[in-house]
Amino acid sequence: MPEKASIKPGEESPATRCDRPDIPEFVINIPVSAVFYNPPSASLPAGLNIDPAANFTIDLFDVQQEVLNTQRN
């Protein structure tokens, strides 16, 4: 699909390979440390227990499905 292409309501969208969850090319892992511990010397608020080795995982299939469901309504 061209970079600046758009799909109009009622048009068939082109097929993508993002057709199911857990496809590694469509999963984004963001280290918690990049969000809460940046700069590394920053401290978390008292009582907030977050493992700095954990990741936020975003599966673009889930995002895609939410967008498609919203467009249908």
PDB file of N, CA and C in Angstrom:
ATOM      1  N   MET A   1       0.852  -1.172   0.000  1.00  0.00           N
ATOM      2  CA  MET A   1       0.000   0.000   0.000  1.00  0.00           C
ATOM      3  C   MET A   1       0.903   1.242   0.000  1.00  0.00           C
ATOM      4  N   PRO A   2       0.645   2.193  -0.864  1.00  0.00           N
ATOM      5  CA  PRO A   2       1.469   3.404  -0.877  1.00  0.00           C
ATOM      6  C   PRO A   2       1.430   4.141   0.460  1.00  0.00           C
ATOM      7  N   GLU A   3       2.500   4.855   0.753  1.00  0.00           N
ATOM      8  CA  GLU A   3       2.645   5.521   2.041  1.00  0.00           C
ATOM      9  C   GLU A   3       1.492   6.466   2.376  1.00  0.00           C
ATOM     10  N   LYS A   4       1.015   7.251   1.395  1.00  0.00           N
ATOM     11  CA  LYS A   4      -0.030   8.238   1.668  1.00  0.00           C
ATOM     12  C   LYS A   4      -1.414   7.781   1.209  1.00  0.00           C
ATOM     13  N   ALA A   5      -1.596   6.493   1.014  1.00  0.00           N
ATOM     14  CA  ALA A   5      -2.881   5.974   0.568  1.00  0.00           C
ATOM     15  C   ALA A   5      -3.891   6.000   1.708  1.00  0.00           C
ATOM     16  N   SER A   6      -5.148   6.044   1.361  1.00  0.00           N
ATOM     17  CA  SER A   6      -6.199   5.981   2.370  1.00  0.00           C
ATOM     18  C   SER A   6      -7.294   5.041   1.890  1.00  0.00           C
ATOM     19  N   ILE A   7      -8.045   4.530   2.817  1.00  0.00           N
ATOM     20  CA  ILE A   7      -9.153   3.632   2.504  1.00  0.00           C
ATOM     21  C   ILE A   7     -10.431   4.361   2.877  1.00  0.00           C
ATOM     22  N   LYS A   8     -11.345   4.440   1.941  1.00  0.00           N
ATOM     23  CA  LYS A   8     -12.613   5.134   2.179  1.00  0.00           C
ATOM     24  C   LYS A   8     -13.635   4.148   2.710  1.00  0.00           C
ATOM     25  N   PRO A   9     -14.618   4.628   3.495  1.00  0.00           N
ATOM     26  CA  PRO A   9     -15.659   3.733   4.010  1.00  0.00           C
ATOM     27  C   PRO A   9     -16.311   2.937   2.879  1.00  0.00           C
ATOM     28  N   GLY A  10     -16.491   1.666   3.105  1.00  0.00           N
ATOM     29  CA  GLY A  10     -17.122   0.795   2.131  1.00  0.00           C
ATOM     30  C   GLY A  10     -16.155   0.165   1.149  1.00  0.00           C
ATOM     31  N   GLU A  11     -14.916   0.658   1.089  1.00  0.00           N
ATOM     32  CA  GLU A  11     -13.928   0.067   0.203  1.00  0.00           C
ATOM     33  C   GLU A  11     -13.296  -1.144   0.871  1.00  0.00           C
ATOM     34  N   GLU A  12     -12.882  -2.066   0.064  1.00  0.00           N
ATOM     35  CA  GLU A  12     -12.175  -3.244   0.572  1.00  0.00           C
ATOM     36  C   GLU A  12     -10.761  -2.833   0.958  1.00  0.00           C
ATOM     37  N   SER A  13     -10.321  -3.201   2.115  1.00  0.00           N
ATOM     38  CA  SER A  13      -8.961  -2.855   2.515  1.00  0.00           C
ATOM     39  C   SER A  13      -7.994  -3.909   1.996  1.00  0.00           C
ATOM     40  N   PRO A  14      -6.776  -3.511   1.697  1.00  0.00           N
ATOM     41  CA  PRO A  14      -5.793  -4.480   1.217  1.00  0.00           C
ATOM     42  C   PRO A  14      -5.420  -5.470   2.325  1.00  0.00           C
ATOM     43  N   ALA A  15      -5.069  -6.663   1.924  1.00  0.00           N
ATOM     44  CA  ALA A  15      -4.679  -7.689   2.896  1.00  0.00           C
ATOM     45  C   ALA A  15      -3.352  -7.315   3.545  1.00  0.00           C
ATOM     46  N   THR A  16      -3.253  -7.582   4.817  1.00  0.00           N
ATOM     47  CA  THR A  16      -1.987  -7.416   5.514  1.00  0.00           C
ATOM     48  C   THR A  16      -1.608  -8.750   6.120  1.00  0.00           C
ATOM     49  N   ARG A  17      -0.382  -8.841   6.551  1.00  0.00           N
ATOM     50  CA  ARG A  17       0.043 -10.074   7.220  1.00  0.00           C
ATOM     51  C   ARG A  17      -0.317 -10.036   8.695  1.00  0.00           C
ATOM     52  N   CYS A  18      -0.862  -8.936   9.157  1.00  0.00           N
ATOM     53  CA  CYS A  18      -1.268  -8.809  10.554  1.00  0.00           C
ATOM     54  C   CYS A  18      -2.693  -9.352  10.693  1.00  0.00           C
ATOM     55  N   ASP A  19      -2.811 -10.678  10.596  1.00  0.00           N
ATOM     56  CA  ASP A  19      -4.131 -11.296  10.561  1.00  0.00           C
ATOM     57  C   ASP A  19      -4.428 -12.194  11.765  1.00  0.00           C
ATOM     58  N   ARG A  20      -3.562 -12.128  12.749  1.00  0.00           N
ATOM     59  CA  ARG A  20      -3.797 -12.882  13.996  1.00  0.00           C
ATOM     60  C   ARG A  20      -2.875 -12.311  15.072  1.00  0.00           C
ATOM     61  N   PRO A  21      -3.177 -12.549  16.317  1.00  0.00           N
ATOM     62  CA  PRO A  21      -2.298 -12.043  17.386  1.00  0.00           C
ATOM     63  C   PRO A  21      -0.996 -12.829  17.464  1.00  0.00           C
ATOM     64  N   ASP A  22      -0.040 -12.229  18.149  1.00  0.00           N
ATOM     65  CA  ASP A  22       1.243 -12.873  18.484  1.00  0.00           C
ATOM     66  C   ASP A  22       2.173 -13.116  17.295  1.00  0.00           C
ATOM     67  N   ILE A  23       2.058 -12.322  16.230  1.00  0.00           N
ATOM     68  CA  ILE A  23       3.025 -12.400  15.138  1.00  0.00           C
ATOM     69  C   ILE A  23       4.187 -11.487  15.536  1.00  0.00           C
ATOM     70  N   PRO A  24       5.380 -12.026  15.686  1.00  0.00           N
ATOM     71  CA  PRO A  24       6.500 -11.228  16.215  1.00  0.00           C
ATOM     72  C   PRO A  24       6.741  -9.905  15.491  1.00  0.00           C
ATOM     73  N   GLU A  25       6.546  -9.869  14.165  1.00  0.00           N
ATOM     74  CA  GLU A  25       6.778  -8.621  13.418  1.00  0.00           C
ATOM     75  C   GLU A  25       5.773  -7.530  13.768  1.00  0.00           C
ATOM     76  N   PHE A  26       4.666  -7.904  14.410  1.00  0.00           N
ATOM     77  CA  PHE A  26       3.611  -6.944  14.732  1.00  0.00           C
ATOM     78  C   PHE A  26       3.409  -6.790  16.235  1.00  0.00           C
ATOM     79  N   VAL A  27       4.383  -7.180  17.010  1.00  0.00           N
ATOM     80  CA  VAL A  27       4.335  -7.032  18.467  1.00  0.00           C
ATOM     81  C   VAL A  27       5.454  -6.075  18.887  1.00  0.00           C
ATOM     82  N   ILE A  28       5.089  -5.109  19.706  1.00  0.00           N
ATOM     83  CA  ILE A  28       6.059  -4.120  20.181  1.00  0.00           C
ATOM     84  C   ILE A  28       6.252  -4.333  21.677  1.00  0.00           C
ATOM     85  N   ASN A  29       7.488  -4.474  22.091  1.00  0.00           N
ATOM     86  CA  ASN A  29       7.814  -4.580  23.516  1.00  0.00           C
ATOM     87  C   ASN A  29       8.561  -3.319  23.929  1.00  0.00           C
ATOM     88  N   ILE A  30       8.017  -2.630  24.907  1.00  0.00           N
ATOM     89  CA  ILE A  30       8.636  -1.409  25.413  1.00  0.00           C
ATOM     90  C   ILE A  30       9.112  -1.698  26.834  1.00  0.00           C
ATOM     91  N   PRO A  31      10.393  -1.605  27.088  1.00  0.00           N
ATOM     92  CA  PRO A  31      10.894  -1.868  28.435  1.00  0.00           C
ATOM     93  C   PRO A  31      10.309  -0.877  29.447  1.00  0.00           C
ATOM     94  N   VAL A  32       9.847  -1.403  30.557  1.00  0.00           N
ATOM     95  CA  VAL A  32       9.327  -0.549  31.627  1.00  0.00           C
ATOM     96  C   VAL A  32      10.382   0.452  32.057  1.00  0.00           C
ATOM     97  N   SER A  33      11.630   0.031  32.032  1.00  0.00           N
ATOM     98  CA  SER A  33      12.702   0.926  32.461  1.00  0.00           C
ATOM     99  C   SER A  33      12.800   2.164  31.572  1.00  0.00           C
ATOM    100  N   ALA A  34      12.437   2.044  30.293  1.00  0.00           N
ATOM    101  CA  ALA A  34      12.482   3.197  29.392  1.00  0.00           C
ATOM    102  C   ALA A  34      11.370   4.191  29.693  1.00  0.00           C
ATOM    103  N   VAL A  35      10.314   3.719  30.339  1.00  0.00           N
ATOM    104  CA  VAL A  35       9.173   4.583  30.642  1.00  0.00           C
ATOM    105  C   VAL A  35       9.284   5.173  32.047  1.00  0.00           C
ATOM    106  N   PHE A  36       9.571   4.336  33.030  1.00  0.00           N
ATOM    107  CA  PHE A  36       9.544   4.781  34.419  1.00  0.00           C
ATOM    108  C   PHE A  36      10.919   5.074  35.016  1.00  0.00           C
ATOM    109  N   TYR A  37      11.959   4.589  34.406  1.00  0.00           N
ATOM    110  CA  TYR A  37      13.297   4.746  34.979  1.00  0.00           C
ATOM    111  C   TYR A  37      14.212   5.494  34.014  1.00  0.00           C
ATOM    112  N   ASN A  38      13.693   6.548  33.414  1.00  0.00           N
ATOM    113  CA  ASN A  38      14.478   7.307  32.448  1.00  0.00           C
ATOM    114  C   ASN A  38      14.442   8.770  32.835  1.00  0.00           C
ATOM    115  N   PRO A  39      15.457   9.353  33.335  1.00  0.00           N
ATOM    116  CA  PRO A  39      16.817   8.814  33.414  1.00  0.00           C
ATOM    117  C   PRO A  39      16.933   7.745  34.499  1.00  0.00           C
ATOM    118  N   PRO A  40      17.960   6.912  34.413  1.00  0.00           N
ATOM    119  CA  PRO A  40      18.108   5.802  35.361  1.00  0.00           C
ATOM    120  C   PRO A  40      18.118   6.222  36.826  1.00  0.00           C
ATOM    121  N   SER A  41      18.479   7.444  37.123  1.00  0.00           N
ATOM    122  CA  SER A  41      18.521   7.880  38.515  1.00  0.00           C
ATOM    123  C   SER A  41      17.147   8.297  39.044  1.00  0.00           C
ATOM    124  N   ALA A  42      16.152   8.362  38.159  1.00  0.00           N
ATOM    125  CA  ALA A  42      14.814   8.769  38.596  1.00  0.00           C
ATOM    126  C   ALA A  42      14.245   7.718  39.539  1.00  0.00           C
ATOM    127  N   SER A  43      13.517   8.159  40.527  1.00  0.00           N
ATOM    128  CA  SER A  43      12.901   7.216  41.464  1.00  0.00           C
ATOM    129  C   SER A  43      11.393   7.248  41.288  1.00  0.00           C
ATOM    130  N   LEU A  44      10.778   6.128  41.553  1.00  0.00           N
ATOM    131  CA  LEU A  44       9.324   6.022  41.462  1.00  0.00           C
ATOM    132  C   LEU A  44       8.675   6.589  42.712  1.00  0.00           C
ATOM    133  N   PRO A  45       7.428   7.015  42.585  1.00  0.00           N
ATOM    134  CA  PRO A  45       6.714   7.460  43.779  1.00  0.00           C
ATOM    135  C   PRO A  45       6.623   6.330  44.807  1.00  0.00           C
ATOM    136  N   ALA A  46       6.606   6.699  46.067  1.00  0.00           N
ATOM    137  CA  ALA A  46       6.530   5.704  47.147  1.00  0.00           C
ATOM    138  C   ALA A  46       5.292   4.826  46.958  1.00  0.00           C
ATOM    139  N   GLY A  47       5.466   3.541  47.193  1.00  0.00           N
ATOM    140  CA  GLY A  47       4.364   2.599  47.118  1.00  0.00           C
ATOM    141  C   GLY A  47       4.122   2.039  45.725  1.00  0.00           C
ATOM    142  N   LEU A  48       4.796   2.541  44.727  1.00  0.00           N
ATOM    143  CA  LEU A  48       4.632   2.041  43.368  1.00  0.00           C
ATOM    144  C   LEU A  48       5.681   0.963  43.139  1.00  0.00           C
ATOM    145  N   ASN A  49       5.238  -0.265  43.004  1.00  0.00           N
ATOM    146  CA  ASN A  49       6.142  -1.401  42.875  1.00  0.00           C
ATOM    147  C   ASN A  49       6.100  -1.907  41.438  1.00  0.00           C
ATOM    148  N   ILE A  50       7.049  -1.465  40.618  1.00  0.00           N
ATOM    149  CA  ILE A  50       7.106  -1.863  39.211  1.00  0.00           C
ATOM    150  C   ILE A  50       8.452  -2.512  38.955  1.00  0.00           C
ATOM    151  N   ASP A  51       8.415  -3.693  38.362  1.00  0.00           N
ATOM    152  CA  ASP A  51       9.639  -4.420  38.035  1.00  0.00           C
ATOM    153  C   ASP A  51      10.332  -3.743  36.855  1.00  0.00           C
ATOM    154  N   PRO A  52      11.519  -3.184  37.043  1.00  0.00           N
ATOM    155  CA  PRO A  52      12.196  -2.498  35.943  1.00  0.00           C
ATOM    156  C   PRO A  52      12.618  -3.429  34.807  1.00  0.00           C
ATOM    157  N   ALA A  53      12.577  -4.738  35.027  1.00  0.00           N
ATOM    158  CA  ALA A  53      12.939  -5.681  33.975  1.00  0.00           C
ATOM    159  C   ALA A  53      11.735  -6.097  33.118  1.00  0.00           C
ATOM    160  N   ALA A  54      10.542  -5.638  33.486  1.00  0.00           N
ATOM    161  CA  ALA A  54       9.323  -6.017  32.762  1.00  0.00           C
ATOM    162  C   ALA A  54       9.186  -5.208  31.472  1.00  0.00           C
ATOM    163  N   ASN A  55       8.252  -5.630  30.627  1.00  0.00           N
ATOM    164  CA  ASN A  55       7.952  -4.943  29.374  1.00  0.00           C
ATOM    165  C   ASN A  55       6.470  -4.621  29.283  1.00  0.00           C
ATOM    166  N   PHE A  56       6.152  -3.521  28.595  1.00  0.00           N
ATOM    167  CA  PHE A  56       4.803  -3.288  28.109  1.00  0.00           C
ATOM    168  C   PHE A  56       4.763  -3.961  26.750  1.00  0.00           C
ATOM    169  N   THR A  57       3.769  -4.793  26.497  1.00  0.00           N
ATOM    170  CA  THR A  57       3.665  -5.471  25.213  1.00  0.00           C
ATOM    171  C   THR A  57       2.421  -4.972  24.493  1.00  0.00           C
ATOM    172  N   ILE A  58       2.621  -4.473  23.285  1.00  0.00           N
ATOM    173  CA  ILE A  58       1.518  -3.988  22.458  1.00  0.00           C
ATOM    174  C   ILE A  58       1.462  -4.868  21.222  1.00  0.00           C
ATOM    175  N   ASP A  59       0.343  -5.571  21.058  1.00  0.00           N
ATOM    176  CA  ASP A  59       0.146  -6.403  19.876  1.00  0.00           C
ATOM    177  C   ASP A  59      -0.666  -5.586  18.880  1.00  0.00           C
ATOM    178  N   LEU A  60      -0.084  -5.287  17.728  1.00  0.00           N
ATOM    179  CA  LEU A  60      -0.763  -4.434  16.762  1.00  0.00           C
ATOM    180  C   LEU A  60      -2.025  -5.077  16.197  1.00  0.00           C
ATOM    181  N   PHE A  61      -2.158  -6.394  16.292  1.00  0.00           N
ATOM    182  CA  PHE A  61      -3.407  -7.032  15.889  1.00  0.00           C
ATOM    183  C   PHE A  61      -4.543  -6.534  16.774  1.00  0.00           C
ATOM    184  N   ASP A  62      -4.311  -6.424  18.076  1.00  0.00           N
ATOM    185  CA  ASP A  62      -5.341  -5.921  18.986  1.00  0.00           C
ATOM    186  C   ASP A  62      -5.706  -4.475  18.654  1.00  0.00           C
ATOM    187  N   VAL A  63      -4.702  -3.670  18.347  1.00  0.00           N
ATOM    188  CA  VAL A  63      -4.952  -2.273  17.968  1.00  0.00           C
ATOM    189  C   VAL A  63      -5.756  -2.234  16.671  1.00  0.00           C
ATOM    190  N   GLN A  64      -5.358  -3.036  15.710  1.00  0.00           N
ATOM    191  CA  GLN A  64      -6.055  -3.099  14.421  1.00  0.00           C
ATOM    192  C   GLN A  64      -7.518  -3.481  14.619  1.00  0.00           C
ATOM    193  N   GLN A  65      -7.774  -4.491  15.433  1.00  0.00           N
ATOM    194  CA  GLN A  65      -9.148  -4.939  15.649  1.00  0.00           C
ATOM    195  C   GLN A  65      -9.995  -3.863  16.329  1.00  0.00           C
ATOM    196  N   GLU A  66      -9.411  -3.151  17.271  1.00  0.00           N
ATOM    197  CA  GLU A  66     -10.131  -2.070  17.952  1.00  0.00           C
ATOM    198  C   GLU A  66     -10.497  -0.966  16.959  1.00  0.00           C
ATOM    199  N   VAL A  67      -9.561  -0.618  16.090  1.00  0.00           N
ATOM    200  CA  VAL A  67      -9.834   0.411  15.067  1.00  0.00           C
ATOM    201  C   VAL A  67     -10.938  -0.060  14.129  1.00  0.00           C
ATOM    202  N   LEU A  68     -10.851  -1.289  13.661  1.00  0.00           N
ATOM    203  CA  LEU A  68     -11.873  -1.809  12.752  1.00  0.00           C
ATOM    204  C   LEU A  68     -13.237  -1.869  13.421  1.00  0.00           C
ATOM    205  N   ASN A  69     -13.285  -2.290  14.672  1.00  0.00           N
ATOM    206  CA  ASN A  69     -14.563  -2.341  15.390  1.00  0.00           C
ATOM    207  C   ASN A  69     -15.147  -0.945  15.586  1.00  0.00           C
ATOM    208  N   THR A  70     -14.300   0.027  15.850  1.00  0.00           N
ATOM    209  CA  THR A  70     -14.753   1.400  16.027  1.00  0.00           C
ATOM    210  C   THR A  70     -15.286   1.955  14.710  1.00  0.00           C
ATOM    211  N   GLN A  71     -14.637   1.640  13.612  1.00  0.00           N
ATOM    212  CA  GLN A  71     -15.089   2.122  12.298  1.00  0.00           C
ATOM    213  C   GLN A  71     -16.425   1.524  11.897  1.00  0.00           C
ATOM    214  N   ARG A  72     -16.712   0.327  12.342  1.00  0.00           N
ATOM    215  CA  ARG A  72     -17.971  -0.333  11.990  1.00  0.00           C
ATOM    216  C   ARG A  72     -19.162   0.269  12.720  1.00  0.00           C
ATOM    217  N   ASN A  73     -18.908   0.920  13.847  1.00  0.00           N
ATOM    218  CA  ASN A  73     -20.006   1.465  14.648  1.00  0.00           C
ATOM    219  C   ASN A  73     -20.365   2.862  14.262  1.00  0.00           C
TER     220      ASN A  73
END
